[in-house]
Amino acid sequence: MQWAGGLAITTRPGDIVLEAVDQLVSVDRGWIPGGDGSLYIRPFMFANEIFLGVKPSSDYLFIVIASSV
């Protein structure tokens, strides 16, 4: 998530992102289509701090979602 640093968001090490994707695929293996299908994987982060103003957040959620395609 190289873009995170430019947005003043705390970056996540690549191994944490890959581990999150591995765990999601492991849990949702039954939803992965066979044959010509594929799995759309989207890791993302958003600020979750309760604050009204302009400053980098001190709290973020890192989430990975998946959808069969």
N, C-alpha and C. Protein backbone atom coordinates (compact mmCIF):
# COMPACT_ATOMS: atom_id res chain seq x y z
N MET A 1 0.84 -1.17 0.00
CA MET A 1 0.00 0.00 0.00
C MET A 1 0.89 1.24 0.00
N GLN A 2 1.60 1.41 -1.08
CA GLN A 2 2.55 2.50 -1.20
C GLN A 2 1.88 3.86 -1.18
N TRP A 3 0.65 3.95 -1.63
CA TRP A 3 -0.06 5.22 -1.70
C TRP A 3 -0.39 5.74 -0.30
N ALA A 4 -0.43 4.87 0.70
CA ALA A 4 -0.85 5.28 2.05
C ALA A 4 0.06 6.36 2.62
N GLY A 5 1.37 6.23 2.42
CA GLY A 5 2.30 7.22 2.95
C GLY A 5 2.04 8.62 2.42
N GLY A 6 1.68 8.73 1.17
CA GLY A 6 1.39 10.03 0.57
C GLY A 6 0.12 10.66 1.11
N LEU A 7 -0.75 9.86 1.71
CA LEU A 7 -2.00 10.38 2.29
C LEU A 7 -1.90 10.53 3.80
N ALA A 8 -0.68 10.44 4.33
CA ALA A 8 -0.43 10.55 5.77
C ALA A 8 -1.10 9.42 6.55
N ILE A 9 -1.26 8.26 5.92
CA ILE A 9 -1.83 7.08 6.56
C ILE A 9 -0.68 6.15 6.91
N THR A 10 -0.75 5.55 8.08
CA THR A 10 0.27 4.59 8.49
C THR A 10 0.27 3.43 7.49
N THR A 11 1.44 3.10 6.97
CA THR A 11 1.52 2.01 6.00
C THR A 11 1.57 0.67 6.71
N ARG A 12 1.18 -0.37 6.02
CA ARG A 12 1.21 -1.74 6.53
C ARG A 12 2.32 -2.49 5.83
N PRO A 13 3.14 -3.24 6.57
CA PRO A 13 4.17 -4.07 5.92
C PRO A 13 3.52 -5.08 4.98
N GLY A 14 4.21 -5.36 3.88
CA GLY A 14 3.67 -6.27 2.87
C GLY A 14 3.33 -7.64 3.41
N ASP A 15 4.09 -8.14 4.39
CA ASP A 15 3.82 -9.47 4.92
C ASP A 15 2.50 -9.51 5.68
N ILE A 16 2.11 -8.40 6.32
CA ILE A 16 0.82 -8.35 7.01
C ILE A 16 -0.32 -8.37 6.00
N VAL A 17 -0.16 -7.63 4.90
CA VAL A 17 -1.18 -7.60 3.85
C VAL A 17 -1.33 -9.00 3.24
N LEU A 18 -0.23 -9.64 2.92
CA LEU A 18 -0.29 -10.98 2.33
C LEU A 18 -0.89 -12.00 3.30
N GLU A 19 -0.56 -11.89 4.57
CA GLU A 19 -1.13 -12.80 5.58
C GLU A 19 -2.64 -12.60 5.68
N ALA A 20 -3.10 -11.35 5.64
CA ALA A 20 -4.54 -11.08 5.68
C ALA A 20 -5.25 -11.67 4.47
N VAL A 21 -4.66 -11.53 3.28
CA VAL A 21 -5.24 -12.11 2.06
C VAL A 21 -5.25 -13.63 2.17
N ASP A 22 -4.16 -14.23 2.63
CA ASP A 22 -4.10 -15.70 2.79
C ASP A 22 -5.18 -16.20 3.73
N GLN A 23 -5.37 -15.51 4.85
CA GLN A 23 -6.39 -15.94 5.81
C GLN A 23 -7.80 -15.80 5.23
N LEU A 24 -8.05 -14.70 4.51
CA LEU A 24 -9.37 -14.51 3.90
C LEU A 24 -9.66 -15.60 2.88
N VAL A 25 -8.69 -15.90 2.03
CA VAL A 25 -8.88 -16.94 1.01
C VAL A 25 -9.08 -18.30 1.68
N SER A 26 -8.37 -18.56 2.75
CA SER A 26 -8.51 -19.82 3.48
C SER A 26 -9.92 -19.97 4.05
N VAL A 27 -10.43 -18.89 4.65
CA VAL A 27 -11.77 -18.93 5.25
C VAL A 27 -12.86 -19.03 4.18
N ASP A 28 -12.70 -18.30 3.09
CA ASP A 28 -13.74 -18.22 2.05
C ASP A 28 -13.48 -19.14 0.86
N ARG A 29 -12.68 -20.18 1.05
CA ARG A 29 -12.31 -21.07 -0.04
C ARG A 29 -13.53 -21.63 -0.78
N GLY A 30 -14.61 -21.89 -0.06
CA GLY A 30 -15.82 -22.43 -0.67
C GLY A 30 -16.50 -21.48 -1.65
N TRP A 31 -16.21 -20.20 -1.54
CA TRP A 31 -16.82 -19.20 -2.43
C TRP A 31 -16.00 -18.93 -3.69
N ILE A 32 -14.80 -19.47 -3.74
CA ILE A 32 -13.93 -19.22 -4.89
C ILE A 32 -14.44 -20.06 -6.07
N PRO A 33 -14.80 -19.40 -7.17
CA PRO A 33 -15.35 -20.14 -8.30
C PRO A 33 -14.28 -21.00 -8.98
N GLY A 34 -14.70 -22.14 -9.48
CA GLY A 34 -13.79 -22.99 -10.24
C GLY A 34 -13.88 -22.67 -11.73
N GLY A 35 -13.09 -23.33 -12.51
CA GLY A 35 -13.12 -23.13 -13.96
C GLY A 35 -12.62 -21.77 -14.37
N ASP A 36 -13.47 -21.03 -15.11
CA ASP A 36 -13.07 -19.74 -15.66
C ASP A 36 -13.33 -18.57 -14.71
N GLY A 37 -13.84 -18.84 -13.52
CA GLY A 37 -14.13 -17.76 -12.57
C GLY A 37 -12.85 -17.25 -11.92
N SER A 38 -12.99 -16.18 -11.17
CA SER A 38 -11.85 -15.62 -10.45
C SER A 38 -12.34 -15.01 -9.15
N LEU A 39 -11.39 -14.58 -8.36
CA LEU A 39 -11.70 -13.97 -7.07
C LEU A 39 -11.14 -12.56 -7.05
N TYR A 40 -12.01 -11.57 -6.81
CA TYR A 40 -11.59 -10.18 -6.72
C TYR A 40 -11.23 -9.91 -5.26
N ILE A 41 -10.01 -9.46 -5.00
CA ILE A 41 -9.54 -9.19 -3.65
C ILE A 41 -9.19 -7.72 -3.54
N ARG A 42 -9.73 -7.06 -2.50
CA ARG A 42 -9.51 -5.63 -2.34
C ARG A 42 -9.10 -5.32 -0.89
N PRO A 43 -7.80 -5.07 -0.66
CA PRO A 43 -7.41 -4.56 0.65
C PRO A 43 -7.59 -3.04 0.66
N PHE A 44 -8.07 -2.51 1.78
CA PHE A 44 -8.21 -1.05 1.88
C PHE A 44 -8.13 -0.61 3.33
N MET A 45 -7.91 0.66 3.51
CA MET A 45 -7.82 1.26 4.84
C MET A 45 -8.66 2.53 4.87
N PHE A 46 -9.21 2.83 6.05
CA PHE A 46 -9.88 4.10 6.22
C PHE A 46 -9.72 4.59 7.66
N ALA A 47 -9.79 5.89 7.83
CA ALA A 47 -9.64 6.50 9.15
C ALA A 47 -10.87 6.19 9.99
N ASN A 48 -10.63 5.87 11.26
CA ASN A 48 -11.72 5.50 12.15
C ASN A 48 -11.69 6.29 13.46
N GLU A 49 -11.00 7.41 13.46
CA GLU A 49 -10.89 8.22 14.67
C GLU A 49 -12.11 9.11 14.82
N ILE A 50 -12.58 9.26 16.05
CA ILE A 50 -13.69 10.16 16.31
C ILE A 50 -13.10 11.55 16.51
N PHE A 51 -13.11 12.35 15.45
CA PHE A 51 -12.49 13.67 15.48
C PHE A 51 -13.07 14.48 14.33
N LEU A 52 -13.37 15.71 14.58
CA LEU A 52 -13.84 16.60 13.53
C LEU A 52 -12.80 17.69 13.36
N GLY A 53 -12.10 17.68 12.25
CA GLY A 53 -11.06 18.64 12.00
C GLY A 53 -10.16 18.13 10.89
N VAL A 54 -9.06 18.85 10.66
CA VAL A 54 -8.14 18.48 9.59
C VAL A 54 -6.80 18.12 10.20
N LYS A 55 -6.48 16.83 10.20
CA LYS A 55 -5.21 16.31 10.66
C LYS A 55 -5.15 14.84 10.30
N PRO A 56 -3.98 14.26 10.22
CA PRO A 56 -3.92 12.81 10.00
C PRO A 56 -4.57 12.08 11.17
N SER A 57 -5.31 11.06 10.88
CA SER A 57 -5.98 10.28 11.92
C SER A 57 -4.96 9.49 12.74
N SER A 58 -5.31 9.19 13.97
CA SER A 58 -4.46 8.33 14.79
C SER A 58 -5.01 6.91 14.84
N ASP A 59 -6.14 6.65 14.16
CA ASP A 59 -6.77 5.33 14.20
C ASP A 59 -7.28 4.98 12.80
N TYR A 60 -6.86 3.81 12.31
CA TYR A 60 -7.27 3.34 10.99
C TYR A 60 -7.73 1.90 11.06
N LEU A 61 -8.62 1.53 10.17
CA LEU A 61 -9.01 0.13 10.02
C LEU A 61 -8.42 -0.38 8.71
N PHE A 62 -7.80 -1.55 8.77
CA PHE A 62 -7.28 -2.23 7.59
C PHE A 62 -8.18 -3.43 7.35
N ILE A 63 -8.77 -3.50 6.16
CA ILE A 63 -9.76 -4.52 5.85
C ILE A 63 -9.42 -5.13 4.48
N VAL A 64 -9.69 -6.42 4.35
CA VAL A 64 -9.56 -7.09 3.06
C VAL A 64 -10.91 -7.73 2.76
N ILE A 65 -11.47 -7.41 1.59
CA ILE A 65 -12.73 -8.01 1.17
C ILE A 65 -12.48 -8.82 -0.10
N ALA A 66 -13.37 -9.75 -0.37
CA ALA A 66 -13.25 -10.58 -1.57
C ALA A 66 -14.64 -10.82 -2.16
N SER A 67 -14.67 -10.98 -3.46
CA SER A 67 -15.92 -11.25 -4.16
C SER A 67 -15.62 -12.15 -5.35
N SER A 68 -16.45 -13.17 -5.52
CA SER A 68 -16.25 -14.02 -6.70
C SER A 68 -16.70 -13.27 -7.95
N VAL A 69 -16.00 -13.52 -9.03
CA VAL A 69 -16.27 -12.81 -10.29
C VAL A 69 -16.51 -13.84 -11.38
